[in-house]
Structure formats: C-alpha cells, structure tokens
Amino acid sequence: MKNVQQISDQELVHLYIQGNEACLEQLLKRHQRSIFSAIYLLVKNRALAEDIFQETFIKIIHTLRLGNYNEEGKFGPWAVRIGRNLTIDYIRKQKRNLTITDSDGNDILSYIQIAEESREDKLIQYQTEQNIKELVKRLPDEQREVLIMRHWGDMSFKDIAEKTGVSINTALGRMRYALSNLRKMMDQQAVKI
C-alpha cells in the first residue's frame, strides 16, 4: 500500500468517505495553509480566521459525508473556495448586523428583544441549554475540554492548543469530533436546538 502522503487528493477523499479518518487529516495537512491564507487575507484577524477555518472543515466534512463533493475540480481549490465563501458570508452578515447604540454605548435593539422574550421562550431556552449540557458531559474528556474552552470560555484555537499542550490541528480535530459526536447524540435523542 502507498504511503498516505503519496496518495492523490481524489483517492484520499474516496478513502475518507469509506471511513478512513486518517485520510481527512492528510487532506487537512496538505491544504490548511492555502485555506487559512485565503481566509486571513479577507478578515485580517488571526482568531477570526481560525474560527472560519474550523467552520470550513466542518462544511467540507459535511459535504463529503453527504456525497455532494463534485470531483470535476481539485480538492484544494474547492476547499479554498468554501473557506472564501464562508468568509464572505461572515463579512456580509457583520455588515447587516450593524448596531444602534444609545449614549452609553448599549445596543438599543437588545432592550426591545428583552422586552419581547416571553416566559415560555425562556423556559424553552433553559431546557435546550440543559439538554446540550447533558450531552456535552457524555463526550470524551479531550473533546469536552476543547468544546468548553471554545464555546463557553471564548478561547481561540491557538490559546486552546497552548493550554492543553497540543498542536492547533489536534485542537481543531478534537473540536470537529466533539461537534460531530454532539450532532449524532442529538439526532439519536431528537434534541432540538
């Protein structure tokens, strides 16, 4: 058998779809620099670029697993295009989400939103949070740790990698697996979020 580094992108995609997770890691290693660079050039913020980079690979995984990957083009340019598109979507969303502030700098729309929140909405939100917290407790320790640091600790992947003593790629991988496992558990239990 060929060394994983000698296998073409197309073969790696096929092997990954057949269940070989190591092939996705090889694809990530091959193309992470070009994907990250394309994202960073648009946002010029390392932490934000890391976040969009993570979303890019989640979308790539999702697309591959659904069988929606079109092999006409090469994997690298396709992955870079996904990263760019997600970045552009983020930038557009930020432009749409302009805030109107009062003299103290508080978002005026947040007052309206708070007033409109009903007791039922609060109860549903609370129950959803409790369901998710229970599912998070079932994750393997390493995945749970990264997920908590990222979402509740609001840490960048670089900070998570330093704090846990692993590479950024390992932290990204743990996050990817944590999200994947959470989705599977939610599907099994029909948890709504």
N, C-alpha and C. Protein backbone atom coordinates (compact mmCIF):
# COMPACT_ATOMS: atom_id res chain seq x y z
N MET A 1 0.84 -1.20 0.00
CA MET A 1 0.00 0.00 0.00
C MET A 1 0.88 1.25 0.00
N LYS A 2 0.41 2.27 -0.68
CA LYS A 2 1.14 3.53 -0.76
C LYS A 2 1.17 4.21 0.60
N ASN A 3 2.19 5.01 0.79
CA ASN A 3 2.26 5.89 1.95
C ASN A 3 1.14 6.92 1.79
N VAL A 4 0.48 7.31 2.88
CA VAL A 4 -0.64 8.25 2.83
C VAL A 4 -0.24 9.54 2.15
N GLN A 5 1.00 9.95 2.32
CA GLN A 5 1.47 11.20 1.72
C GLN A 5 1.60 11.10 0.20
N GLN A 6 1.66 9.88 -0.33
CA GLN A 6 1.80 9.69 -1.78
C GLN A 6 0.46 9.52 -2.48
N ILE A 7 -0.60 9.40 -1.73
CA ILE A 7 -1.93 9.19 -2.32
C ILE A 7 -2.49 10.52 -2.80
N SER A 8 -3.15 10.49 -3.95
CA SER A 8 -3.74 11.72 -4.50
C SER A 8 -4.91 12.19 -3.64
N ASP A 9 -5.26 13.46 -3.80
CA ASP A 9 -6.40 14.02 -3.07
C ASP A 9 -7.66 13.23 -3.37
N GLN A 10 -7.86 12.89 -4.63
CA GLN A 10 -9.06 12.16 -5.04
C GLN A 10 -9.15 10.82 -4.31
N GLU A 11 -8.04 10.10 -4.23
CA GLU A 11 -8.03 8.82 -3.52
C GLU A 11 -8.27 9.02 -2.03
N LEU A 12 -7.68 10.07 -1.47
CA LEU A 12 -7.89 10.36 -0.05
C LEU A 12 -9.36 10.64 0.23
N VAL A 13 -10.01 11.39 -0.64
CA VAL A 13 -11.44 11.68 -0.47
C VAL A 13 -12.23 10.38 -0.47
N HIS A 14 -11.96 9.51 -1.45
CA HIS A 14 -12.68 8.23 -1.53
C HIS A 14 -12.45 7.39 -0.28
N LEU A 15 -11.21 7.33 0.17
CA LEU A 15 -10.90 6.54 1.37
C LEU A 15 -11.58 7.13 2.61
N TYR A 16 -11.62 8.45 2.70
CA TYR A 16 -12.28 9.09 3.83
C TYR A 16 -13.78 8.77 3.83
N ILE A 17 -14.39 8.86 2.67
CA ILE A 17 -15.83 8.56 2.56
C ILE A 17 -16.10 7.12 2.97
N GLN A 18 -15.12 6.23 2.72
CA GLN A 18 -15.26 4.83 3.10
C GLN A 18 -14.96 4.59 4.57
N GLY A 19 -14.59 5.66 5.31
CA GLY A 19 -14.42 5.53 6.75
C GLY A 19 -13.02 5.71 7.28
N ASN A 20 -12.05 5.99 6.44
CA ASN A 20 -10.67 6.16 6.90
C ASN A 20 -10.44 7.61 7.33
N GLU A 21 -10.56 7.88 8.63
CA GLU A 21 -10.44 9.23 9.17
C GLU A 21 -9.05 9.83 8.95
N ALA A 22 -8.03 9.00 8.90
CA ALA A 22 -6.66 9.49 8.72
C ALA A 22 -6.51 10.22 7.38
N CYS A 23 -7.31 9.85 6.41
CA CYS A 23 -7.24 10.49 5.09
C CYS A 23 -7.68 11.94 5.17
N LEU A 24 -8.68 12.23 5.99
CA LEU A 24 -9.11 13.62 6.15
C LEU A 24 -8.00 14.44 6.81
N GLU A 25 -7.33 13.85 7.78
CA GLU A 25 -6.22 14.56 8.42
C GLU A 25 -5.12 14.88 7.42
N GLN A 26 -4.86 13.96 6.50
CA GLN A 26 -3.84 14.21 5.47
C GLN A 26 -4.28 15.33 4.53
N LEU A 27 -5.56 15.32 4.16
CA LEU A 27 -6.08 16.41 3.31
C LEU A 27 -5.95 17.75 4.03
N LEU A 28 -6.25 17.75 5.32
CA LEU A 28 -6.14 18.97 6.12
C LEU A 28 -4.69 19.46 6.13
N LYS A 29 -3.76 18.56 6.37
CA LYS A 29 -2.34 18.95 6.40
C LYS A 29 -1.90 19.53 5.07
N ARG A 30 -2.35 18.93 3.98
CA ARG A 30 -1.94 19.38 2.65
C ARG A 30 -2.45 20.77 2.32
N HIS A 31 -3.66 21.08 2.74
CA HIS A 31 -4.32 22.29 2.24
C HIS A 31 -4.59 23.36 3.29
N GLN A 32 -4.21 23.10 4.55
CA GLN A 32 -4.54 24.06 5.60
C GLN A 32 -3.91 25.43 5.37
N ARG A 33 -2.69 25.47 4.89
CA ARG A 33 -2.02 26.76 4.70
C ARG A 33 -2.73 27.61 3.66
N SER A 34 -3.09 27.01 2.52
CA SER A 34 -3.74 27.81 1.46
C SER A 34 -5.15 28.22 1.86
N ILE A 35 -5.87 27.35 2.56
CA ILE A 35 -7.23 27.69 3.00
C ILE A 35 -7.15 28.80 4.05
N PHE A 36 -6.28 28.62 5.04
CA PHE A 36 -6.17 29.62 6.10
C PHE A 36 -5.73 30.97 5.53
N SER A 37 -4.78 30.95 4.61
CA SER A 37 -4.29 32.20 4.00
C SER A 37 -5.41 32.93 3.27
N ALA A 38 -6.22 32.18 2.53
CA ALA A 38 -7.33 32.80 1.78
C ALA A 38 -8.31 33.47 2.74
N ILE A 39 -8.57 32.83 3.87
CA ILE A 39 -9.49 33.39 4.87
C ILE A 39 -8.85 34.60 5.54
N TYR A 40 -7.61 34.45 5.98
CA TYR A 40 -6.93 35.51 6.71
C TYR A 40 -6.79 36.78 5.86
N LEU A 41 -6.53 36.62 4.57
CA LEU A 41 -6.39 37.79 3.70
C LEU A 41 -7.66 38.62 3.65
N LEU A 42 -8.80 37.98 3.86
CA LEU A 42 -10.08 38.71 3.83
C LEU A 42 -10.42 39.34 5.18
N VAL A 43 -10.13 38.64 6.29
CA VAL A 43 -10.55 39.17 7.60
C VAL A 43 -9.44 39.86 8.37
N LYS A 44 -8.20 39.52 8.07
CA LYS A 44 -7.02 40.13 8.71
C LYS A 44 -7.09 40.08 10.24
N ASN A 45 -7.61 38.98 10.75
CA ASN A 45 -7.72 38.76 12.19
C ASN A 45 -7.48 37.27 12.42
N ARG A 46 -6.40 36.95 13.11
CA ARG A 46 -6.00 35.55 13.25
C ARG A 46 -7.04 34.69 13.96
N ALA A 47 -7.58 35.17 15.08
CA ALA A 47 -8.56 34.38 15.83
C ALA A 47 -9.82 34.14 14.99
N LEU A 48 -10.28 35.18 14.31
CA LEU A 48 -11.46 35.05 13.46
C LEU A 48 -11.18 34.10 12.30
N ALA A 49 -10.01 34.22 11.71
CA ALA A 49 -9.62 33.33 10.60
C ALA A 49 -9.60 31.88 11.07
N GLU A 50 -9.13 31.63 12.29
CA GLU A 50 -9.11 30.27 12.83
C GLU A 50 -10.53 29.74 12.99
N ASP A 51 -11.43 30.59 13.44
CA ASP A 51 -12.83 30.18 13.59
C ASP A 51 -13.45 29.82 12.25
N ILE A 52 -13.24 30.66 11.26
CA ILE A 52 -13.82 30.40 9.94
C ILE A 52 -13.14 29.18 9.31
N PHE A 53 -11.85 29.01 9.58
CA PHE A 53 -11.12 27.83 9.11
C PHE A 53 -11.77 26.55 9.67
N GLN A 54 -12.10 26.57 10.95
CA GLN A 54 -12.77 25.42 11.57
C GLN A 54 -14.13 25.17 10.92
N GLU A 55 -14.89 26.21 10.70
CA GLU A 55 -16.19 26.07 10.05
C GLU A 55 -16.03 25.52 8.64
N THR A 56 -14.96 25.92 7.97
CA THR A 56 -14.69 25.44 6.61
C THR A 56 -14.53 23.92 6.63
N PHE A 57 -13.74 23.41 7.56
CA PHE A 57 -13.54 21.97 7.58
C PHE A 57 -14.77 21.21 8.05
N ILE A 58 -15.57 21.82 8.88
CA ILE A 58 -16.84 21.18 9.25
C ILE A 58 -17.74 21.08 8.01
N LYS A 59 -17.78 22.15 7.22
CA LYS A 59 -18.59 22.13 6.00
C LYS A 59 -18.04 21.11 5.00
N ILE A 60 -16.71 21.04 4.88
CA ILE A 60 -16.10 20.06 3.98
C ILE A 60 -16.48 18.65 4.41
N ILE A 61 -16.36 18.36 5.69
CA ILE A 61 -16.71 17.03 6.21
C ILE A 61 -18.17 16.73 5.90
N HIS A 62 -19.04 17.69 6.19
CA HIS A 62 -20.47 17.51 5.96
C HIS A 62 -20.75 17.22 4.48
N THR A 63 -20.13 18.00 3.60
CA THR A 63 -20.34 17.83 2.16
C THR A 63 -19.84 16.47 1.69
N LEU A 64 -18.67 16.06 2.17
CA LEU A 64 -18.12 14.76 1.78
C LEU A 64 -19.02 13.62 2.27
N ARG A 65 -19.47 13.72 3.51
CA ARG A 65 -20.30 12.64 4.07
C ARG A 65 -21.66 12.53 3.38
N LEU A 66 -22.18 13.66 2.91
CA LEU A 66 -23.45 13.63 2.18
C LEU A 66 -23.28 13.15 0.74
N GLY A 67 -22.03 13.03 0.31
CA GLY A 67 -21.76 12.60 -1.06
C GLY A 67 -21.96 13.71 -2.08
N ASN A 68 -21.88 14.96 -1.64
CA ASN A 68 -22.11 16.09 -2.53
C ASN A 68 -20.83 16.68 -3.11
N TYR A 69 -19.71 16.02 -2.90
CA TYR A 69 -18.45 16.51 -3.44
C TYR A 69 -18.39 16.18 -4.93
N ASN A 70 -18.12 17.20 -5.75
CA ASN A 70 -18.04 17.03 -7.19
C ASN A 70 -16.56 16.94 -7.56
N GLU A 71 -16.17 15.84 -8.15
CA GLU A 71 -14.76 15.60 -8.43
C GLU A 71 -14.25 16.28 -9.71
N GLU A 72 -15.05 17.12 -10.33
CA GLU A 72 -14.58 17.79 -11.54
C GLU A 72 -13.34 18.62 -11.27
N GLY A 73 -13.36 19.37 -10.18
CA GLY A 73 -12.21 20.20 -9.84
C GLY A 73 -11.31 19.47 -8.88
N LYS A 74 -10.27 20.13 -8.47
CA LYS A 74 -9.36 19.53 -7.50
C LYS A 74 -9.82 19.86 -6.09
N PHE A 75 -9.48 19.03 -5.14
CA PHE A 75 -9.92 19.21 -3.76
C PHE A 75 -9.42 20.53 -3.19
N GLY A 76 -8.15 20.86 -3.38
CA GLY A 76 -7.56 22.07 -2.80
C GLY A 76 -8.30 23.34 -3.19
N PRO A 77 -8.46 23.61 -4.49
CA PRO A 77 -9.19 24.81 -4.89
C PRO A 77 -10.64 24.81 -4.40
N TRP A 78 -11.25 23.64 -4.38
CA TRP A 78 -12.63 23.52 -3.89
C TRP A 78 -12.69 23.90 -2.42
N ALA A 79 -11.74 23.40 -1.62
CA ALA A 79 -11.72 23.70 -0.18
C ALA A 79 -11.44 25.19 0.06
N VAL A 80 -10.52 25.76 -0.72
CA VAL A 80 -10.23 27.19 -0.59
C VAL A 80 -11.47 28.01 -0.93
N ARG A 81 -12.21 27.60 -1.94
CA ARG A 81 -13.44 28.31 -2.33
C ARG A 81 -14.48 28.27 -1.20
N ILE A 82 -14.59 27.13 -0.53
CA ILE A 82 -15.52 27.03 0.60
C ILE A 82 -15.09 28.01 1.69
N GLY A 83 -13.80 28.04 2.00
CA GLY A 83 -13.29 28.97 3.01
C GLY A 83 -13.57 30.42 2.65
N ARG A 84 -13.32 30.77 1.40
CA ARG A 84 -13.59 32.15 0.95
C ARG A 84 -15.07 32.49 1.04
N ASN A 85 -15.92 31.54 0.58
CA ASN A 85 -17.36 31.79 0.62
C ASN A 85 -17.86 31.98 2.04
N LEU A 86 -17.39 31.15 2.97
CA LEU A 86 -17.80 31.30 4.37
C LEU A 86 -17.32 32.64 4.93
N THR A 87 -16.13 33.05 4.52
CA THR A 87 -15.59 34.33 4.98
C THR A 87 -16.43 35.48 4.44
N ILE A 88 -16.76 35.42 3.17
CA ILE A 88 -17.58 36.47 2.57
C ILE A 88 -18.95 36.50 3.22
N ASP A 89 -19.53 35.33 3.48
CA ASP A 89 -20.82 35.28 4.19
C ASP A 89 -20.71 35.93 5.55
N TYR A 90 -19.62 35.66 6.26
CA TYR A 90 -19.43 36.27 7.59
C TYR A 90 -19.36 37.79 7.48
N ILE A 91 -18.58 38.28 6.51
CA ILE A 91 -18.42 39.73 6.33
C ILE A 91 -19.77 40.38 6.00
N ARG A 92 -20.53 39.74 5.12
CA ARG A 92 -21.85 40.28 4.77
C ARG A 92 -22.77 40.31 5.98
N LYS A 93 -22.72 39.25 6.75
CA LYS A 93 -23.58 39.18 7.96
C LYS A 93 -23.20 40.29 8.93
N GLN A 94 -21.91 40.52 9.09
CA GLN A 94 -21.45 41.57 10.01
C GLN A 94 -21.95 42.94 9.54
N LYS A 95 -21.93 43.17 8.23
CA LYS A 95 -22.40 44.46 7.71
C LYS A 95 -23.90 44.63 7.93
N ARG A 96 -24.65 43.52 7.86
CA ARG A 96 -26.09 43.58 8.09
C ARG A 96 -26.41 43.79 9.56
N ASN A 97 -25.55 43.30 10.43
CA ASN A 97 -25.80 43.34 11.86
C ASN A 97 -25.23 44.59 12.52
N LEU A 98 -25.38 45.70 11.88
CA LEU A 98 -24.94 46.95 12.48
C LEU A 98 -25.78 47.22 13.72
N THR A 99 -25.16 47.75 14.75
CA THR A 99 -25.90 48.02 15.98
C THR A 99 -26.16 49.51 16.13
N ILE A 100 -27.30 49.79 16.70
CA ILE A 100 -27.66 51.17 17.01
C ILE A 100 -27.51 51.30 18.52
N THR A 101 -26.68 52.23 18.94
CA THR A 101 -26.39 52.35 20.36
C THR A 101 -26.93 53.64 20.95
N ASP A 102 -27.16 53.58 22.25
CA ASP A 102 -27.58 54.79 22.96
C ASP A 102 -26.33 55.56 23.40
N SER A 103 -26.52 56.62 24.16
CA SER A 103 -25.38 57.47 24.55
C SER A 103 -24.37 56.74 25.42
N ASP A 104 -24.80 55.64 26.09
CA ASP A 104 -23.89 54.85 26.92
C ASP A 104 -23.19 53.74 26.14
N GLY A 105 -23.52 53.61 24.86
CA GLY A 105 -22.90 52.57 24.04
C GLY A 105 -23.64 51.24 24.09
N ASN A 106 -24.84 51.19 24.68
CA ASN A 106 -25.63 49.96 24.75
C ASN A 106 -26.46 49.79 23.48
N ASP A 107 -26.57 48.55 23.03
CA ASP A 107 -27.35 48.25 21.83
C ASP A 107 -28.84 48.46 22.12
N ILE A 108 -29.46 49.38 21.42
CA ILE A 108 -30.87 49.70 21.64
C ILE A 108 -31.76 48.51 21.32
N LEU A 109 -31.41 47.75 20.27
CA LEU A 109 -32.25 46.62 19.89
C LEU A 109 -32.28 45.53 20.97
N SER A 110 -31.27 45.47 21.81
CA SER A 110 -31.28 44.46 22.88
C SER A 110 -32.38 44.75 23.89
N TYR A 111 -32.72 46.02 24.10
CA TYR A 111 -33.82 46.36 25.00
C TYR A 111 -35.14 45.81 24.47
N ILE A 112 -35.34 45.99 23.17
CA ILE A 112 -36.58 45.52 22.54
C ILE A 112 -36.65 44.00 22.62
N GLN A 113 -35.54 43.35 22.33
CA GLN A 113 -35.51 41.90 22.34
C GLN A 113 -35.82 41.36 23.74
N ILE A 114 -35.25 41.97 24.76
CA ILE A 114 -35.50 41.52 26.13
C ILE A 114 -36.97 41.68 26.46
N ALA A 115 -37.57 42.77 26.07
CA ALA A 115 -38.98 43.02 26.36
C ALA A 115 -39.87 42.00 25.66
N GLU A 116 -39.47 41.54 24.49
CA GLU A 116 -40.30 40.62 23.72
C GLU A 116 -40.16 39.17 24.19
N GLU A 117 -39.14 38.86 24.97
CA GLU A 117 -38.93 37.49 25.42
C GLU A 117 -40.04 37.08 26.38
N SER A 118 -40.72 36.03 26.05
CA SER A 118 -41.79 35.56 26.93
C SER A 118 -41.23 34.53 27.92
N ARG A 119 -42.05 34.24 28.88
CA ARG A 119 -41.66 33.24 29.88
C ARG A 119 -41.47 31.87 29.22
N GLU A 120 -42.32 31.57 28.25
CA GLU A 120 -42.22 30.30 27.53
C GLU A 120 -40.89 30.22 26.76
N ASP A 121 -40.49 31.33 26.12
CA ASP A 121 -39.22 31.36 25.40
C ASP A 121 -38.05 31.08 26.34
N LYS A 122 -38.10 31.69 27.51
CA LYS A 122 -37.03 31.49 28.50
C LYS A 122 -36.98 30.03 28.95
N LEU A 123 -38.15 29.43 29.15
CA LEU A 123 -38.21 28.04 29.58
C LEU A 123 -37.65 27.11 28.50
N ILE A 124 -38.03 27.37 27.25
CA ILE A 124 -37.53 26.55 26.14
C ILE A 124 -36.02 26.69 26.01
N GLN A 125 -35.53 27.92 26.11
CA GLN A 125 -34.09 28.15 26.03
C GLN A 125 -33.36 27.45 27.17
N TYR A 126 -33.90 27.53 28.37
CA TYR A 126 -33.28 26.89 29.53
C TYR A 126 -33.23 25.37 29.33
N GLN A 127 -34.34 24.79 28.88
CA GLN A 127 -34.39 23.34 28.69
C GLN A 127 -33.42 22.90 27.60
N THR A 128 -33.32 23.68 26.53
CA THR A 128 -32.39 23.36 25.45
C THR A 128 -30.95 23.39 25.97
N GLU A 129 -30.62 24.42 26.75
CA GLU A 129 -29.27 24.51 27.32
C GLU A 129 -28.98 23.32 28.23
N GLN A 130 -29.97 22.92 29.02
CA GLN A 130 -29.77 21.77 29.92
C GLN A 130 -29.55 20.49 29.11
N ASN A 131 -30.33 20.31 28.04
CA ASN A 131 -30.16 19.12 27.18
C ASN A 131 -28.76 19.09 26.58
N ILE A 132 -28.31 20.23 26.10
CA ILE A 132 -26.98 20.29 25.48
C ILE A 132 -25.89 20.03 26.52
N LYS A 133 -26.03 20.61 27.70
CA LYS A 133 -25.04 20.39 28.76
C LYS A 133 -24.95 18.90 29.12
N GLU A 134 -26.08 18.22 29.16
CA GLU A 134 -26.08 16.79 29.46
C GLU A 134 -25.35 16.01 28.37
N LEU A 135 -25.57 16.39 27.12
CA LEU A 135 -24.88 15.70 26.02
C LEU A 135 -23.38 15.99 26.04
N VAL A 136 -23.02 17.22 26.38
CA VAL A 136 -21.60 17.59 26.45
C VAL A 136 -20.90 16.75 27.52
N LYS A 137 -21.58 16.45 28.61
CA LYS A 137 -20.98 15.64 29.68
C LYS A 137 -20.63 14.24 29.19
N ARG A 138 -21.30 13.77 28.15
CA ARG A 138 -21.07 12.41 27.64
C ARG A 138 -19.90 12.33 26.65
N LEU A 139 -19.40 13.48 26.23
CA LEU A 139 -18.28 13.49 25.28
C LEU A 139 -17.01 12.97 25.95
N PRO A 140 -16.08 12.40 25.17
CA PRO A 140 -14.77 12.05 25.73
C PRO A 140 -14.11 13.30 26.32
N ASP A 141 -13.31 13.11 27.37
CA ASP A 141 -12.72 14.23 28.11
C ASP A 141 -12.03 15.26 27.22
N GLU A 142 -11.19 14.79 26.28
CA GLU A 142 -10.43 15.72 25.45
C GLU A 142 -11.34 16.56 24.56
N GLN A 143 -12.39 15.94 24.01
CA GLN A 143 -13.33 16.67 23.17
C GLN A 143 -14.14 17.66 24.00
N ARG A 144 -14.60 17.23 25.15
CA ARG A 144 -15.40 18.09 26.03
C ARG A 144 -14.58 19.31 26.45
N GLU A 145 -13.31 19.09 26.79
CA GLU A 145 -12.45 20.17 27.23
C GLU A 145 -12.31 21.26 26.16
N VAL A 146 -12.05 20.85 24.92
CA VAL A 146 -11.89 21.81 23.82
C VAL A 146 -13.21 22.54 23.56
N LEU A 147 -14.31 21.81 23.55
CA LEU A 147 -15.62 22.42 23.30
C LEU A 147 -15.95 23.47 24.37
N ILE A 148 -15.71 23.15 25.62
CA ILE A 148 -16.00 24.08 26.71
C ILE A 148 -15.11 25.32 26.60
N MET A 149 -13.82 25.11 26.34
CA MET A 149 -12.91 26.25 26.22
C MET A 149 -13.32 27.16 25.06
N ARG A 150 -13.74 26.54 23.97
CA ARG A 150 -14.07 27.32 22.77
C ARG A 150 -15.39 28.07 22.94
N HIS A 151 -16.45 27.36 23.31
CA HIS A 151 -17.77 27.97 23.32
C HIS A 151 -18.10 28.71 24.61
N TRP A 152 -17.73 28.17 25.74
CA TRP A 152 -18.06 28.84 26.99
C TRP A 152 -16.90 29.69 27.50
N GLY A 153 -15.68 29.32 27.12
CA GLY A 153 -14.52 30.11 27.52
C GLY A 153 -14.13 31.15 26.49
N ASP A 154 -14.74 31.07 25.29
CA ASP A 154 -14.49 32.02 24.21
C ASP A 154 -13.00 32.14 23.89
N MET A 155 -12.30 30.98 23.90
CA MET A 155 -10.86 30.96 23.62
C MET A 155 -10.61 30.66 22.15
N SER A 156 -9.52 31.20 21.62
CA SER A 156 -9.13 30.88 20.24
C SER A 156 -8.51 29.48 20.23
N PHE A 157 -8.43 28.89 19.04
CA PHE A 157 -7.83 27.56 18.95
C PHE A 157 -6.35 27.59 19.29
N LYS A 158 -5.70 28.70 19.03
CA LYS A 158 -4.29 28.83 19.41
C LYS A 158 -4.16 28.78 20.93
N ASP A 159 -5.02 29.52 21.64
CA ASP A 159 -4.99 29.51 23.11
C ASP A 159 -5.33 28.13 23.67
N ILE A 160 -6.31 27.48 23.05
CA ILE A 160 -6.70 26.13 23.49
C ILE A 160 -5.53 25.17 23.32
N ALA A 161 -4.85 25.26 22.17
CA ALA A 161 -3.71 24.38 21.90
C ALA A 161 -2.63 24.59 22.95
N GLU A 162 -2.34 25.86 23.27
CA GLU A 162 -1.31 26.15 24.27
C GLU A 162 -1.72 25.65 25.65
N LYS A 163 -2.98 25.86 26.00
CA LYS A 163 -3.47 25.49 27.33
C LYS A 163 -3.47 23.96 27.53
N THR A 164 -3.82 23.23 26.45
CA THR A 164 -3.91 21.77 26.55
C THR A 164 -2.61 21.07 26.17
N GLY A 165 -1.64 21.83 25.65
CA GLY A 165 -0.35 21.24 25.30
C GLY A 165 -0.37 20.40 24.04
N VAL A 166 -1.26 20.75 23.09
CA VAL A 166 -1.33 20.02 21.83
C VAL A 166 -1.19 21.02 20.68
N SER A 167 -1.09 20.50 19.46
CA SER A 167 -1.00 21.38 18.30
C SER A 167 -2.36 21.97 17.98
N ILE A 168 -2.36 23.04 17.19
CA ILE A 168 -3.63 23.65 16.78
C ILE A 168 -4.45 22.63 15.98
N ASN A 169 -3.79 21.85 15.13
CA ASN A 169 -4.50 20.85 14.34
C ASN A 169 -5.20 19.83 15.23
N THR A 170 -4.53 19.43 16.31
CA THR A 170 -5.14 18.48 17.23
C THR A 170 -6.34 19.11 17.92
N ALA A 171 -6.21 20.38 18.34
CA ALA A 171 -7.33 21.08 18.97
C ALA A 171 -8.50 21.19 17.99
N LEU A 172 -8.20 21.54 16.74
CA LEU A 172 -9.24 21.62 15.71
C LEU A 172 -9.91 20.27 15.50
N GLY A 173 -9.10 19.22 15.46
CA GLY A 173 -9.63 17.88 15.27
C GLY A 173 -10.54 17.47 16.42
N ARG A 174 -10.12 17.78 17.64
CA ARG A 174 -10.95 17.44 18.80
C ARG A 174 -12.28 18.18 18.76
N MET A 175 -12.23 19.43 18.32
CA MET A 175 -13.46 20.21 18.20
C MET A 175 -14.37 19.61 17.14
N ARG A 176 -13.76 19.25 16.01
CA ARG A 176 -14.55 18.65 14.92
C ARG A 176 -15.24 17.38 15.40
N TYR A 177 -14.50 16.51 16.10
CA TYR A 177 -15.09 15.28 16.60
C TYR A 177 -16.14 15.55 17.67
N ALA A 178 -15.90 16.54 18.51
CA ALA A 178 -16.88 16.89 19.55
C ALA A 178 -18.19 17.32 18.91
N LEU A 179 -18.12 18.19 17.91
CA LEU A 179 -19.34 18.65 17.24
C LEU A 179 -20.03 17.51 16.51
N SER A 180 -19.25 16.67 15.87
CA SER A 180 -19.81 15.52 15.16
C SER A 180 -20.52 14.58 16.14
N ASN A 181 -19.87 14.30 17.27
CA ASN A 181 -20.48 13.42 18.27
C ASN A 181 -21.73 14.04 18.87
N LEU A 182 -21.70 15.35 19.11
CA LEU A 182 -22.89 16.03 19.64
C LEU A 182 -24.06 15.91 18.66
N ARG A 183 -23.77 16.12 17.38
CA ARG A 183 -24.83 16.01 16.38
C ARG A 183 -25.43 14.61 16.36
N LYS A 184 -24.57 13.60 16.43
CA LYS A 184 -25.06 12.22 16.44
C LYS A 184 -25.96 11.97 17.66
N MET A 185 -25.51 12.44 18.83
CA MET A 185 -26.31 12.24 20.04
C MET A 185 -27.63 13.00 19.95
N MET A 186 -27.60 14.21 19.38
CA MET A 186 -28.84 14.99 19.24
C MET A 186 -29.79 14.30 18.28
N ASP A 187 -29.24 13.75 17.19
CA ASP A 187 -30.09 13.03 16.23
C ASP A 187 -30.71 11.80 16.89
N GLN A 188 -29.92 11.08 17.67
CA GLN A 188 -30.43 9.89 18.34
C GLN A 188 -31.54 10.22 19.35
N GLN A 189 -31.40 11.36 20.01
CA GLN A 189 -32.38 11.73 21.03
C GLN A 189 -33.38 12.77 20.53
N ALA A 190 -33.27 13.15 19.27
CA ALA A 190 -34.14 14.16 18.68
C ALA A 190 -34.17 15.44 19.50
N VAL A 191 -32.96 15.87 19.93
CA VAL A 191 -32.84 17.12 20.70
C VAL A 191 -32.95 18.28 19.73
N LYS A 192 -33.77 19.23 20.05
CA LYS A 192 -33.95 20.41 19.20
C LYS A 192 -33.13 21.56 19.76
N ILE A 193 -32.39 22.22 18.87
CA ILE A 193 -31.69 23.44 19.29
C ILE A 193 -31.98 24.54 18.31
